[in-house]
């Protein structure tokens, strides 16, 4: 089984889009294996996206 990490940005959470995002994944036949609501420190966000910094 493959796993994918999905992070919803703070504005998406504030706008109440988390349920809609999960629903769209489920509509494609994907299953949610787990969920965690966490406010990440800036250092962790930078670490998570380091490989994408130079991409358009």
Foldseek 3Di string as FASTA:
>chain_A
DDDDDDDDDPVCVVVVNPVVVQVVCVVVVDDDPDDDDDDDDPVVVCVVCVVVPPPD
